[in-house]
Amino acid sequence: MADQHAESGDNIVPELTESEKEQLEKEREKEAEKNSTKCPPAPEFPLADRVKELGLDVPLESPEFYEELKTKPSTYYKDMKELPDCAAKKYIPDIARRYIELERRIKVLESTLWALPREDRSLEEDRFEILTELLDKACQGFEIWDEHVERNIKYGHRVVLEARLLHLIESKFDIIEEICAKFDKLKGDQHGVNNEREFLRYEIRHCDLMFTEIHESFLKSYLDLEW
């Protein structure tokens, strides 16, 4: 059954929707505009190209199996480290799908950030800058994924580490979204802004610590060391 699905050439990673294609086209048209408030163009989903290039999106189980996985949180994979390769490999296409969908959130988040009302040298400008810094930091997680995606690592280890990295990026994106949705609530509130800044600084440091830990665990798996 698994071979039949693999040979079919189908994949479970969704193609861009018409609205996403239109958004990309609009971004291209705007690139020529010189406007200081314009959101810089983001990469057009390079991770999706890597997934297809490496065949990580080719299903190894039935469509129903992967539909069921869509209902699970990324933490679903946290205890699969000791699964044998034959049992763990089937989860790779689902994790690849999650990474692609997460990467697609970057453009939305960037557009949301650049649309925030702010004046030069204002509290809002300071908040915008640190939110952007957190977004940039979280996106470094995609580079870690890319660095280790072709290493010869046990599938159980890969599933756990890729899901852990995925959850970390996801959580930082969620924080940015939540703050942007309530951005006006701290207008003129220096104390509240200071607290928010300290919180976001912590989240940035947390990213660094976790990225180091996950990166080292990938290397230990590759070298067949315990972690």
N, C-alpha and C. Protein backbone atom coordinates (compact mmCIF):
# COMPACT_ATOMS: atom_id res chain seq x y z
N MET A 1 0.83 -1.21 0.00
CA MET A 1 0.00 0.00 0.00
C MET A 1 0.86 1.26 0.00
N ALA A 2 1.90 1.26 0.88
CA ALA A 2 2.76 2.43 0.97
C ALA A 2 3.47 2.69 -0.35
N ASP A 3 3.94 1.59 -1.05
CA ASP A 3 4.64 1.75 -2.31
C ASP A 3 3.73 2.33 -3.37
N GLN A 4 2.44 1.92 -3.34
CA GLN A 4 1.49 2.43 -4.33
C GLN A 4 1.34 3.93 -4.20
N HIS A 5 1.25 4.40 -2.96
CA HIS A 5 1.10 5.84 -2.76
C HIS A 5 2.36 6.58 -3.17
N ALA A 6 3.53 6.01 -2.86
CA ALA A 6 4.78 6.66 -3.19
C ALA A 6 4.97 6.75 -4.69
N GLU A 7 4.53 5.69 -5.43
CA GLU A 7 4.72 5.65 -6.87
C GLU A 7 3.73 6.52 -7.61
N SER A 8 2.65 6.91 -6.94
CA SER A 8 1.61 7.66 -7.62
C SER A 8 2.07 9.05 -8.00
N GLY A 9 3.10 9.59 -7.29
CA GLY A 9 3.59 10.92 -7.59
C GLY A 9 2.76 12.02 -6.97
N ASP A 10 1.68 11.67 -6.30
CA ASP A 10 0.86 12.68 -5.66
C ASP A 10 1.59 13.20 -4.43
N ASN A 11 1.14 14.34 -3.93
CA ASN A 11 1.73 14.82 -2.69
C ASN A 11 0.65 15.48 -1.87
N ILE A 12 0.95 15.67 -0.59
CA ILE A 12 -0.06 16.22 0.32
C ILE A 12 0.17 17.69 0.61
N VAL A 13 1.21 18.28 0.03
CA VAL A 13 1.45 19.71 0.25
C VAL A 13 0.54 20.50 -0.67
N PRO A 14 -0.29 21.37 -0.14
CA PRO A 14 -1.24 22.11 -0.96
C PRO A 14 -0.56 23.10 -1.89
N GLU A 15 -1.07 23.20 -3.12
CA GLU A 15 -0.57 24.21 -4.03
C GLU A 15 -1.05 25.59 -3.55
N LEU A 16 -0.43 26.63 -4.07
CA LEU A 16 -0.88 27.98 -3.72
C LEU A 16 -2.31 28.18 -4.19
N THR A 17 -3.11 28.82 -3.36
CA THR A 17 -4.47 29.13 -3.76
C THR A 17 -4.44 30.30 -4.74
N GLU A 18 -5.57 30.54 -5.40
CA GLU A 18 -5.65 31.65 -6.34
C GLU A 18 -5.36 32.98 -5.64
N SER A 19 -5.90 33.12 -4.42
CA SER A 19 -5.69 34.38 -3.68
C SER A 19 -4.21 34.56 -3.32
N GLU A 20 -3.53 33.45 -2.98
CA GLU A 20 -2.10 33.53 -2.66
C GLU A 20 -1.29 33.88 -3.91
N LYS A 21 -1.69 33.32 -5.06
CA LYS A 21 -1.00 33.65 -6.31
C LYS A 21 -1.20 35.12 -6.66
N GLU A 22 -2.43 35.62 -6.45
CA GLU A 22 -2.71 37.03 -6.72
C GLU A 22 -1.89 37.92 -5.80
N GLN A 23 -1.76 37.50 -4.52
CA GLN A 23 -0.98 38.29 -3.57
C GLN A 23 0.49 38.36 -3.99
N LEU A 24 1.03 37.24 -4.46
CA LEU A 24 2.41 37.22 -4.93
C LEU A 24 2.59 38.15 -6.12
N GLU A 25 1.62 38.14 -7.02
CA GLU A 25 1.70 38.99 -8.21
C GLU A 25 1.66 40.47 -7.82
N LYS A 26 0.81 40.79 -6.85
CA LYS A 26 0.73 42.17 -6.37
C LYS A 26 2.04 42.61 -5.75
N GLU A 27 2.68 41.69 -4.99
CA GLU A 27 3.96 42.01 -4.36
C GLU A 27 5.02 42.30 -5.43
N ARG A 28 5.00 41.54 -6.51
CA ARG A 28 5.96 41.77 -7.59
C ARG A 28 5.75 43.14 -8.23
N GLU A 29 4.48 43.49 -8.43
CA GLU A 29 4.16 44.77 -9.05
C GLU A 29 4.60 45.95 -8.18
N LYS A 30 4.56 45.73 -6.87
CA LYS A 30 4.90 46.82 -5.94
C LYS A 30 6.40 46.97 -5.72
N GLU A 31 7.19 46.01 -6.19
CA GLU A 31 8.63 46.05 -5.92
C GLU A 31 9.29 47.30 -6.50
N ALA A 32 8.72 47.82 -7.59
CA ALA A 32 9.32 48.98 -8.22
C ALA A 32 9.02 50.28 -7.47
N GLU A 33 8.05 50.23 -6.60
CA GLU A 33 7.66 51.43 -5.86
C GLU A 33 8.71 51.77 -4.81
N LYS A 34 9.03 53.04 -4.68
CA LYS A 34 9.98 53.49 -3.66
C LYS A 34 9.18 54.19 -2.56
N ASN A 35 8.91 53.44 -1.52
CA ASN A 35 8.08 53.96 -0.43
C ASN A 35 8.65 53.46 0.88
N SER A 36 8.95 54.36 1.79
CA SER A 36 9.59 53.99 3.05
C SER A 36 8.70 53.14 3.94
N THR A 37 7.40 53.15 3.71
CA THR A 37 6.49 52.37 4.54
C THR A 37 6.13 51.03 3.88
N LYS A 38 6.78 50.76 2.77
CA LYS A 38 6.47 49.52 2.04
C LYS A 38 7.16 48.32 2.69
N CYS A 39 6.44 47.23 2.79
CA CYS A 39 7.00 46.00 3.35
C CYS A 39 8.00 45.41 2.36
N PRO A 40 9.23 45.13 2.77
CA PRO A 40 10.21 44.52 1.86
C PRO A 40 9.71 43.18 1.35
N PRO A 41 10.01 42.83 0.09
CA PRO A 41 9.53 41.55 -0.44
C PRO A 41 10.14 40.38 0.30
N ALA A 42 9.33 39.38 0.61
CA ALA A 42 9.79 38.18 1.31
C ALA A 42 10.12 37.09 0.29
N PRO A 43 10.92 36.12 0.66
CA PRO A 43 11.19 35.00 -0.24
C PRO A 43 9.89 34.30 -0.64
N GLU A 44 9.82 33.86 -1.87
CA GLU A 44 8.59 33.24 -2.34
C GLU A 44 8.63 31.73 -2.09
N PHE A 45 8.54 31.38 -0.83
CA PHE A 45 8.41 30.00 -0.39
C PHE A 45 9.53 29.08 -0.89
N PRO A 46 10.81 29.42 -0.61
CA PRO A 46 11.91 28.54 -1.05
C PRO A 46 11.88 27.18 -0.37
N LEU A 47 11.33 27.10 0.84
CA LEU A 47 11.27 25.82 1.53
C LEU A 47 10.39 24.83 0.77
N ALA A 48 9.31 25.33 0.18
CA ALA A 48 8.42 24.47 -0.60
C ALA A 48 9.17 23.84 -1.76
N ASP A 49 10.06 24.61 -2.38
CA ASP A 49 10.85 24.07 -3.49
C ASP A 49 11.79 22.96 -3.00
N ARG A 50 12.37 23.16 -1.82
CA ARG A 50 13.27 22.14 -1.25
C ARG A 50 12.50 20.85 -0.95
N VAL A 51 11.31 21.01 -0.41
CA VAL A 51 10.48 19.84 -0.08
C VAL A 51 10.19 19.03 -1.33
N LYS A 52 9.81 19.71 -2.40
CA LYS A 52 9.49 19.01 -3.65
C LYS A 52 10.74 18.40 -4.27
N GLU A 53 11.84 19.14 -4.21
CA GLU A 53 13.10 18.66 -4.76
C GLU A 53 13.54 17.36 -4.09
N LEU A 54 13.34 17.26 -2.79
CA LEU A 54 13.77 16.08 -2.03
C LEU A 54 12.68 15.01 -1.93
N GLY A 55 11.50 15.31 -2.47
CA GLY A 55 10.41 14.33 -2.45
C GLY A 55 9.83 14.09 -1.07
N LEU A 56 9.97 15.07 -0.18
CA LEU A 56 9.48 14.89 1.19
C LEU A 56 7.96 14.94 1.29
N ASP A 57 7.32 15.44 0.23
CA ASP A 57 5.86 15.58 0.25
C ASP A 57 5.14 14.36 -0.32
N VAL A 58 5.89 13.37 -0.77
CA VAL A 58 5.26 12.18 -1.37
C VAL A 58 4.66 11.32 -0.26
N PRO A 59 3.35 11.08 -0.29
CA PRO A 59 2.70 10.33 0.79
C PRO A 59 3.13 8.87 0.82
N LEU A 60 3.21 8.34 2.02
CA LEU A 60 3.58 6.94 2.22
C LEU A 60 2.43 6.14 2.82
N GLU A 61 1.31 6.82 3.04
CA GLU A 61 0.11 6.18 3.58
C GLU A 61 -1.10 6.73 2.83
N SER A 62 -2.28 6.33 3.26
CA SER A 62 -3.51 6.73 2.59
C SER A 62 -3.81 8.21 2.82
N PRO A 63 -4.61 8.84 1.94
CA PRO A 63 -5.02 10.23 2.15
C PRO A 63 -5.73 10.42 3.49
N GLU A 64 -6.50 9.42 3.89
CA GLU A 64 -7.23 9.50 5.17
C GLU A 64 -6.26 9.61 6.35
N PHE A 65 -5.15 8.92 6.25
CA PHE A 65 -4.14 8.96 7.32
C PHE A 65 -3.61 10.38 7.50
N TYR A 66 -3.31 11.04 6.38
CA TYR A 66 -2.76 12.40 6.46
C TYR A 66 -3.82 13.43 6.82
N GLU A 67 -5.05 13.18 6.43
CA GLU A 67 -6.14 14.08 6.84
C GLU A 67 -6.32 14.04 8.35
N GLU A 68 -6.19 12.87 8.92
CA GLU A 68 -6.30 12.73 10.37
C GLU A 68 -5.16 13.46 11.08
N LEU A 69 -3.95 13.40 10.50
CA LEU A 69 -2.80 14.07 11.11
C LEU A 69 -2.97 15.59 11.13
N LYS A 70 -3.74 16.11 10.18
CA LYS A 70 -3.96 17.56 10.14
C LYS A 70 -4.69 18.07 11.38
N THR A 71 -5.38 17.18 12.06
CA THR A 71 -6.12 17.58 13.26
C THR A 71 -5.24 17.57 14.51
N LYS A 72 -4.01 17.08 14.38
CA LYS A 72 -3.11 16.96 15.53
C LYS A 72 -2.22 18.20 15.66
N PRO A 73 -1.89 18.61 16.89
CA PRO A 73 -0.95 19.72 17.08
C PRO A 73 0.47 19.25 16.78
N SER A 74 1.38 20.19 16.61
CA SER A 74 2.77 19.82 16.31
C SER A 74 3.41 19.05 17.46
N THR A 75 2.88 19.21 18.67
CA THR A 75 3.41 18.47 19.83
C THR A 75 3.06 16.98 19.78
N TYR A 76 2.23 16.59 18.83
CA TYR A 76 1.83 15.19 18.68
C TYR A 76 3.06 14.28 18.50
N TYR A 77 4.13 14.85 17.94
CA TYR A 77 5.30 14.04 17.58
C TYR A 77 6.37 13.96 18.67
N LYS A 78 6.14 14.59 19.81
CA LYS A 78 7.20 14.76 20.80
C LYS A 78 7.74 13.46 21.40
N ASP A 79 6.96 12.39 21.39
CA ASP A 79 7.40 11.14 22.02
C ASP A 79 7.73 10.03 21.03
N MET A 80 8.05 10.38 19.79
CA MET A 80 8.28 9.37 18.75
C MET A 80 9.75 9.07 18.50
N LYS A 81 10.62 9.53 19.37
CA LYS A 81 12.07 9.40 19.15
C LYS A 81 12.51 7.96 18.91
N GLU A 82 11.94 7.03 19.64
CA GLU A 82 12.40 5.64 19.56
C GLU A 82 11.67 4.81 18.51
N LEU A 83 10.81 5.43 17.73
CA LEU A 83 10.13 4.68 16.67
C LEU A 83 11.14 4.19 15.64
N PRO A 84 11.00 2.96 15.16
CA PRO A 84 11.89 2.48 14.09
C PRO A 84 11.61 3.26 12.80
N ASP A 85 12.59 3.28 11.92
CA ASP A 85 12.45 4.03 10.67
C ASP A 85 11.19 3.66 9.90
N CYS A 86 10.87 2.37 9.86
CA CYS A 86 9.72 1.91 9.08
C CYS A 86 8.41 2.48 9.60
N ALA A 87 8.36 2.82 10.89
CA ALA A 87 7.14 3.38 11.48
C ALA A 87 7.15 4.90 11.46
N ALA A 88 8.33 5.51 11.55
CA ALA A 88 8.42 6.97 11.67
C ALA A 88 8.42 7.69 10.32
N LYS A 89 8.91 7.03 9.28
CA LYS A 89 9.08 7.69 7.99
C LYS A 89 7.77 8.22 7.42
N LYS A 90 6.67 7.54 7.70
CA LYS A 90 5.38 7.94 7.13
C LYS A 90 4.90 9.29 7.63
N TYR A 91 5.51 9.80 8.71
CA TYR A 91 5.10 11.10 9.25
C TYR A 91 5.82 12.28 8.59
N ILE A 92 6.88 12.00 7.84
CA ILE A 92 7.66 13.06 7.23
C ILE A 92 6.83 13.95 6.29
N PRO A 93 5.97 13.39 5.42
CA PRO A 93 5.17 14.26 4.55
C PRO A 93 4.27 15.23 5.32
N ASP A 94 3.74 14.80 6.44
CA ASP A 94 2.88 15.69 7.23
C ASP A 94 3.70 16.83 7.83
N ILE A 95 4.88 16.51 8.33
CA ILE A 95 5.73 17.56 8.91
C ILE A 95 6.18 18.53 7.82
N ALA A 96 6.49 18.01 6.63
CA ALA A 96 6.86 18.88 5.51
C ALA A 96 5.72 19.83 5.17
N ARG A 97 4.50 19.30 5.15
CA ARG A 97 3.32 20.15 4.88
C ARG A 97 3.23 21.27 5.91
N ARG A 98 3.43 20.94 7.17
CA ARG A 98 3.32 21.93 8.24
C ARG A 98 4.38 23.03 8.07
N TYR A 99 5.58 22.65 7.68
CA TYR A 99 6.63 23.65 7.47
C TYR A 99 6.27 24.61 6.33
N ILE A 100 5.75 24.06 5.26
CA ILE A 100 5.38 24.91 4.12
C ILE A 100 4.27 25.87 4.51
N GLU A 101 3.27 25.37 5.20
CA GLU A 101 2.16 26.23 5.61
C GLU A 101 2.63 27.29 6.62
N LEU A 102 3.59 26.92 7.47
CA LEU A 102 4.13 27.88 8.42
C LEU A 102 4.94 28.95 7.70
N GLU A 103 5.73 28.53 6.71
CA GLU A 103 6.53 29.51 5.96
C GLU A 103 5.63 30.51 5.23
N ARG A 104 4.47 30.04 4.78
CA ARG A 104 3.56 30.95 4.08
C ARG A 104 3.00 32.04 4.99
N ARG A 105 3.08 31.81 6.29
CA ARG A 105 2.60 32.83 7.23
C ARG A 105 3.54 34.04 7.28
N ILE A 106 4.78 33.89 6.80
CA ILE A 106 5.75 34.98 6.89
C ILE A 106 5.24 36.22 6.18
N LYS A 107 4.75 36.05 4.95
CA LYS A 107 4.27 37.20 4.18
C LYS A 107 3.12 37.90 4.90
N VAL A 108 2.21 37.11 5.45
CA VAL A 108 1.06 37.68 6.16
C VAL A 108 1.54 38.48 7.36
N LEU A 109 2.47 37.91 8.12
CA LEU A 109 2.98 38.59 9.31
C LEU A 109 3.73 39.87 8.93
N GLU A 110 4.53 39.81 7.88
CA GLU A 110 5.26 41.01 7.46
C GLU A 110 4.30 42.11 7.03
N SER A 111 3.28 41.74 6.27
CA SER A 111 2.29 42.73 5.84
C SER A 111 1.56 43.34 7.03
N THR A 112 1.23 42.49 8.01
CA THR A 112 0.55 42.96 9.21
C THR A 112 1.43 43.92 9.99
N LEU A 113 2.71 43.58 10.14
CA LEU A 113 3.64 44.43 10.87
C LEU A 113 3.81 45.79 10.20
N TRP A 114 4.00 45.78 8.90
CA TRP A 114 4.23 47.04 8.19
C TRP A 114 2.98 47.90 8.10
N ALA A 115 1.84 47.32 8.36
CA ALA A 115 0.59 48.09 8.35
C ALA A 115 0.28 48.71 9.71
N LEU A 116 1.08 48.39 10.73
CA LEU A 116 0.83 48.94 12.07
C LEU A 116 0.99 50.46 12.07
N PRO A 117 0.07 51.18 12.72
CA PRO A 117 0.19 52.64 12.79
C PRO A 117 1.34 53.04 13.70
N ARG A 118 2.27 53.82 13.16
CA ARG A 118 3.43 54.22 13.97
C ARG A 118 4.05 55.49 13.38
N GLU A 119 4.61 56.30 14.25
CA GLU A 119 5.32 57.50 13.82
C GLU A 119 6.80 57.35 14.17
N ASP A 120 7.64 58.11 13.48
CA ASP A 120 9.08 58.05 13.76
C ASP A 120 9.36 58.38 15.22
N ARG A 121 10.25 57.61 15.83
CA ARG A 121 10.70 57.81 17.21
C ARG A 121 9.57 57.73 18.24
N SER A 122 8.55 56.99 17.90
CA SER A 122 7.41 56.82 18.81
C SER A 122 7.53 55.47 19.52
N LEU A 123 6.71 55.29 20.57
CA LEU A 123 6.65 53.99 21.24
C LEU A 123 6.24 52.90 20.26
N GLU A 124 5.31 53.27 19.38
CA GLU A 124 4.81 52.30 18.40
C GLU A 124 5.93 51.87 17.44
N GLU A 125 6.80 52.83 17.09
CA GLU A 125 7.93 52.49 16.21
C GLU A 125 8.88 51.52 16.92
N ASP A 126 9.12 51.76 18.20
CA ASP A 126 9.97 50.85 18.98
C ASP A 126 9.37 49.44 19.03
N ARG A 127 8.06 49.38 19.23
CA ARG A 127 7.37 48.09 19.31
C ARG A 127 7.45 47.36 17.97
N PHE A 128 7.24 48.10 16.90
CA PHE A 128 7.34 47.53 15.56
C PHE A 128 8.72 46.91 15.34
N GLU A 129 9.75 47.62 15.75
CA GLU A 129 11.11 47.16 15.51
C GLU A 129 11.43 45.86 16.25
N ILE A 130 10.99 45.76 17.50
CA ILE A 130 11.31 44.54 18.24
C ILE A 130 10.44 43.37 17.78
N LEU A 131 9.21 43.66 17.35
CA LEU A 131 8.37 42.60 16.78
C LEU A 131 9.00 42.06 15.50
N THR A 132 9.54 42.97 14.69
CA THR A 132 10.22 42.57 13.46
C THR A 132 11.46 41.75 13.78
N GLU A 133 12.15 42.14 14.86
CA GLU A 133 13.34 41.40 15.30
C GLU A 133 12.97 39.97 15.71
N LEU A 134 11.85 39.83 16.41
CA LEU A 134 11.40 38.49 16.81
C LEU A 134 11.04 37.66 15.59
N LEU A 135 10.38 38.28 14.61
CA LEU A 135 10.03 37.56 13.38
C LEU A 135 11.28 37.08 12.67
N ASP A 136 12.26 37.97 12.53
CA ASP A 136 13.52 37.59 11.87
C ASP A 136 14.20 36.44 12.61
N LYS A 137 14.20 36.53 13.94
CA LYS A 137 14.83 35.48 14.74
C LYS A 137 14.11 34.14 14.55
N ALA A 138 12.79 34.15 14.62
CA ALA A 138 12.01 32.92 14.46
C ALA A 138 12.25 32.28 13.10
N CYS A 139 12.41 33.12 12.07
CA CYS A 139 12.60 32.60 10.71
C CYS A 139 13.95 31.90 10.54
N GLN A 140 14.88 32.14 11.46
CA GLN A 140 16.15 31.42 11.41
C GLN A 140 15.94 29.91 11.60
N GLY A 141 14.81 29.55 12.18
CA GLY A 141 14.50 28.14 12.35
C GLY A 141 14.40 27.39 11.03
N PHE A 142 13.94 28.10 9.98
CA PHE A 142 13.85 27.46 8.66
C PHE A 142 15.25 27.13 8.13
N GLU A 143 16.24 27.96 8.48
CA GLU A 143 17.61 27.70 8.06
C GLU A 143 18.16 26.46 8.76
N ILE A 144 17.79 26.27 10.02
CA ILE A 144 18.23 25.08 10.75
C ILE A 144 17.62 23.83 10.11
N TRP A 145 16.33 23.92 9.78
CA TRP A 145 15.68 22.79 9.08
C TRP A 145 16.44 22.46 7.81
N ASP A 146 16.76 23.48 7.02
CA ASP A 146 17.43 23.27 5.74
C ASP A 146 18.83 22.69 5.92
N GLU A 147 19.51 23.12 6.97
CA GLU A 147 20.88 22.63 7.22
C GLU A 147 20.91 21.13 7.48
N HIS A 148 19.86 20.62 8.12
CA HIS A 148 19.88 19.21 8.54
C HIS A 148 18.96 18.29 7.72
N VAL A 149 18.23 18.85 6.78
CA VAL A 149 17.20 18.05 6.10
C VAL A 149 17.78 16.89 5.30
N GLU A 150 19.01 17.01 4.82
CA GLU A 150 19.60 15.95 4.00
C GLU A 150 20.57 15.06 4.78
N ARG A 151 20.73 15.31 6.07
CA ARG A 151 21.64 14.47 6.86
C ARG A 151 21.01 13.09 7.08
N ASN A 152 21.86 12.09 7.20
CA ASN A 152 21.40 10.72 7.45
C ASN A 152 21.11 10.57 8.95
N ILE A 153 19.85 10.77 9.32
CA ILE A 153 19.42 10.74 10.72
C ILE A 153 18.25 9.77 10.85
N LYS A 154 18.19 9.06 11.95
CA LYS A 154 17.06 8.16 12.18
C LYS A 154 15.75 8.93 12.07
N TYR A 155 14.76 8.31 11.44
CA TYR A 155 13.50 9.02 11.21
C TYR A 155 12.78 9.39 12.51
N GLY A 156 12.88 8.53 13.51
CA GLY A 156 12.25 8.86 14.79
C GLY A 156 12.84 10.12 15.39
N HIS A 157 14.17 10.23 15.31
CA HIS A 157 14.85 11.43 15.80
C HIS A 157 14.46 12.64 14.97
N ARG A 158 14.43 12.47 13.65
CA ARG A 158 14.09 13.58 12.77
C ARG A 158 12.68 14.10 13.03
N VAL A 159 11.74 13.19 13.17
CA VAL A 159 10.35 13.58 13.41
C VAL A 159 10.25 14.42 14.69
N VAL A 160 10.90 13.97 15.76
CA VAL A 160 10.84 14.70 17.03
C VAL A 160 11.50 16.07 16.91
N LEU A 161 12.69 16.13 16.33
CA LEU A 161 13.44 17.39 16.27
C LEU A 161 12.81 18.39 15.30
N GLU A 162 12.35 17.91 14.15
CA GLU A 162 11.70 18.82 13.21
C GLU A 162 10.39 19.35 13.79
N ALA A 163 9.67 18.50 14.51
CA ALA A 163 8.42 18.95 15.13
C ALA A 163 8.70 19.94 16.27
N ARG A 164 9.77 19.71 17.00
CA ARG A 164 10.14 20.63 18.09
C ARG A 164 10.50 22.00 17.51
N LEU A 165 11.26 22.00 16.44
CA LEU A 165 11.63 23.24 15.76
C LEU A 165 10.40 23.94 15.19
N LEU A 166 9.54 23.15 14.59
CA LEU A 166 8.28 23.67 14.04
C LEU A 166 7.45 24.36 15.11
N HIS A 167 7.30 23.69 16.25
CA HIS A 167 6.50 24.24 17.34
C HIS A 167 7.10 25.54 17.87
N LEU A 168 8.42 25.62 17.92
CA LEU A 168 9.08 26.83 18.39
C LEU A 168 8.79 28.02 17.47
N ILE A 169 8.95 27.82 16.18
CA ILE A 169 8.67 28.89 15.21
C ILE A 169 7.20 29.29 15.29
N GLU A 170 6.35 28.29 15.32
CA GLU A 170 4.90 28.48 15.39
C GLU A 170 4.53 29.36 16.58
N SER A 171 5.10 29.07 17.74
CA SER A 171 4.75 29.79 18.96
C SER A 171 5.16 31.26 18.88
N LYS A 172 6.30 31.55 18.24
CA LYS A 172 6.74 32.95 18.10
C LYS A 172 5.85 33.69 17.10
N PHE A 173 5.46 33.01 16.03
CA PHE A 173 4.54 33.63 15.07
C PHE A 173 3.22 33.97 15.75
N ASP A 174 2.75 33.06 16.59
CA ASP A 174 1.48 33.29 17.30
C ASP A 174 1.57 34.51 18.22
N ILE A 175 2.71 34.68 18.88
CA ILE A 175 2.91 35.84 19.76
C ILE A 175 2.83 37.14 18.96
N ILE A 176 3.51 37.17 17.83
CA ILE A 176 3.49 38.36 16.98
C ILE A 176 2.08 38.68 16.52
N GLU A 177 1.36 37.65 16.08
CA GLU A 177 -0.03 37.83 15.64
C GLU A 177 -0.90 38.40 16.74
N GLU A 178 -0.76 37.85 17.94
CA GLU A 178 -1.59 38.27 19.06
C GLU A 178 -1.32 39.73 19.44
N ILE A 179 -0.05 40.13 19.47
CA ILE A 179 0.29 41.51 19.82
C ILE A 179 -0.21 42.47 18.75
N CYS A 180 -0.04 42.11 17.49
CA CYS A 180 -0.51 42.98 16.40
C CYS A 180 -2.02 43.18 16.46
N ALA A 181 -2.75 42.13 16.83
CA ALA A 181 -4.21 42.21 16.89
C ALA A 181 -4.68 43.18 17.97
N LYS A 182 -3.85 43.37 19.01
CA LYS A 182 -4.23 44.26 20.12
C LYS A 182 -3.26 45.44 20.23
N PHE A 183 -2.69 45.83 19.12
CA PHE A 183 -1.60 46.82 19.12
C PHE A 183 -2.01 48.15 19.76
N ASP A 184 -3.23 48.59 19.52
CA ASP A 184 -3.67 49.90 20.01
C ASP A 184 -3.83 49.96 21.53
N LYS A 185 -3.92 48.82 22.17
CA LYS A 185 -4.19 48.80 23.61
C LYS A 185 -3.07 49.42 24.45
N LEU A 186 -1.86 49.46 23.91
CA LEU A 186 -0.74 50.04 24.67
C LEU A 186 -0.35 51.43 24.18
N LYS A 187 -1.19 52.04 23.40
CA LYS A 187 -0.87 53.37 22.86
C LYS A 187 -0.63 54.36 24.00
N GLY A 188 0.56 54.94 24.02
CA GLY A 188 0.89 55.93 25.04
C GLY A 188 1.21 55.35 26.41
N ASP A 189 1.25 54.03 26.53
CA ASP A 189 1.49 53.38 27.82
C ASP A 189 2.96 52.96 27.91
N GLN A 190 3.80 53.85 28.44
CA GLN A 190 5.24 53.58 28.51
C GLN A 190 5.55 52.35 29.35
N HIS A 191 4.87 52.23 30.50
CA HIS A 191 5.11 51.08 31.38
C HIS A 191 4.73 49.76 30.69
N GLY A 192 3.56 49.77 30.04
CA GLY A 192 3.12 48.57 29.32
C GLY A 192 4.06 48.21 28.18
N VAL A 193 4.55 49.23 27.48
CA VAL A 193 5.48 49.00 26.37
C VAL A 193 6.80 48.43 26.88
N ASN A 194 7.27 48.95 28.02
CA ASN A 194 8.51 48.44 28.61
C ASN A 194 8.37 46.96 28.98
N ASN A 195 7.23 46.61 29.56
CA ASN A 195 6.98 45.20 29.92
C ASN A 195 6.93 44.32 28.68
N GLU A 196 6.26 44.83 27.64
CA GLU A 196 6.17 44.07 26.39
C GLU A 196 7.56 43.87 25.79
N ARG A 197 8.38 44.93 25.83
CA ARG A 197 9.73 44.84 25.28
C ARG A 197 10.54 43.77 26.01
N GLU A 198 10.46 43.76 27.33
CA GLU A 198 11.19 42.76 28.11
C GLU A 198 10.72 41.35 27.78
N PHE A 199 9.41 41.21 27.61
CA PHE A 199 8.83 39.91 27.25
C PHE A 199 9.35 39.46 25.89
N LEU A 200 9.37 40.36 24.92
CA LEU A 200 9.81 40.00 23.57
C LEU A 200 11.31 39.73 23.53
N ARG A 201 12.08 40.47 24.33
CA ARG A 201 13.52 40.21 24.43
C ARG A 201 13.76 38.79 24.97
N TYR A 202 12.95 38.41 25.94
CA TYR A 202 13.05 37.05 26.49
C TYR A 202 12.75 36.02 25.40
N GLU A 203 11.69 36.28 24.61
CA GLU A 203 11.31 35.34 23.55
C GLU A 203 12.42 35.20 22.51
N ILE A 204 13.10 36.30 22.22
CA ILE A 204 14.22 36.25 21.27
C ILE A 204 15.36 35.42 21.85
N ARG A 205 15.68 35.63 23.13
CA ARG A 205 16.74 34.84 23.77
C ARG A 205 16.34 33.36 23.83
N HIS A 206 15.06 33.12 24.10
CA HIS A 206 14.56 31.74 24.15
C HIS A 206 14.75 31.06 22.80
N CYS A 207 14.50 31.79 21.73
CA CYS A 207 14.73 31.25 20.39
C CYS A 207 16.18 30.82 20.23
N ASP A 208 17.09 31.70 20.60
CA ASP A 208 18.52 31.39 20.47
C ASP A 208 18.90 30.13 21.23
N LEU A 209 18.44 30.04 22.47
CA LEU A 209 18.76 28.88 23.30
C LEU A 209 18.21 27.59 22.71
N MET A 210 16.94 27.64 22.28
CA MET A 210 16.31 26.44 21.73
C MET A 210 16.89 26.06 20.38
N PHE A 211 17.21 27.05 19.55
CA PHE A 211 17.84 26.76 18.26
C PHE A 211 19.16 26.03 18.47
N THR A 212 19.95 26.50 19.45
CA THR A 212 21.23 25.85 19.75
C THR A 212 21.02 24.41 20.20
N GLU A 213 20.05 24.22 21.08
CA GLU A 213 19.77 22.87 21.60
C GLU A 213 19.30 21.93 20.49
N ILE A 214 18.40 22.41 19.65
CA ILE A 214 17.87 21.57 18.56
C ILE A 214 18.97 21.27 17.54
N HIS A 215 19.74 22.29 17.19
CA HIS A 215 20.85 22.10 16.24
C HIS A 215 21.84 21.05 16.75
N GLU A 216 22.20 21.15 18.03
CA GLU A 216 23.13 20.19 18.62
C GLU A 216 22.54 18.78 18.64
N SER A 217 21.24 18.69 18.88
CA SER A 217 20.59 17.37 18.89
C SER A 217 20.59 16.74 17.50
N PHE A 218 20.38 17.57 16.47
CA PHE A 218 20.48 17.07 15.10
C PHE A 218 21.88 16.51 14.84
N LEU A 219 22.89 17.27 15.26
CA LEU A 219 24.27 16.83 15.03
C LEU A 219 24.57 15.54 15.79
N LYS A 220 24.08 15.45 17.02
CA LYS A 220 24.30 14.24 17.82
C LYS A 220 23.62 13.03 17.18
N SER A 221 22.43 13.24 16.63
CA SER A 221 21.76 12.14 15.94
C SER A 221 22.57 11.70 14.73
N TYR A 222 23.08 12.67 13.99
CA TYR A 222 23.88 12.37 12.81
C TYR A 222 25.14 11.58 13.18
N LEU A 223 25.72 11.92 14.34
CA LEU A 223 26.95 11.26 14.81
C LEU A 223 26.65 10.03 15.67
N ASP A 224 25.36 9.71 15.78
CA ASP A 224 24.91 8.55 16.56
C ASP A 224 25.30 8.68 18.04
N LEU A 225 25.11 9.90 18.58
CA LEU A 225 25.35 10.17 19.99
C LEU A 225 24.02 10.38 20.70
N GLU A 226 24.00 10.19 21.99
CA GLU A 226 22.77 10.37 22.76
C GLU A 226 22.46 11.86 22.96
N TRP A 227 21.19 12.16 23.04
CA TRP A 227 20.76 13.52 23.41
C TRP A 227 19.45 13.43 24.17
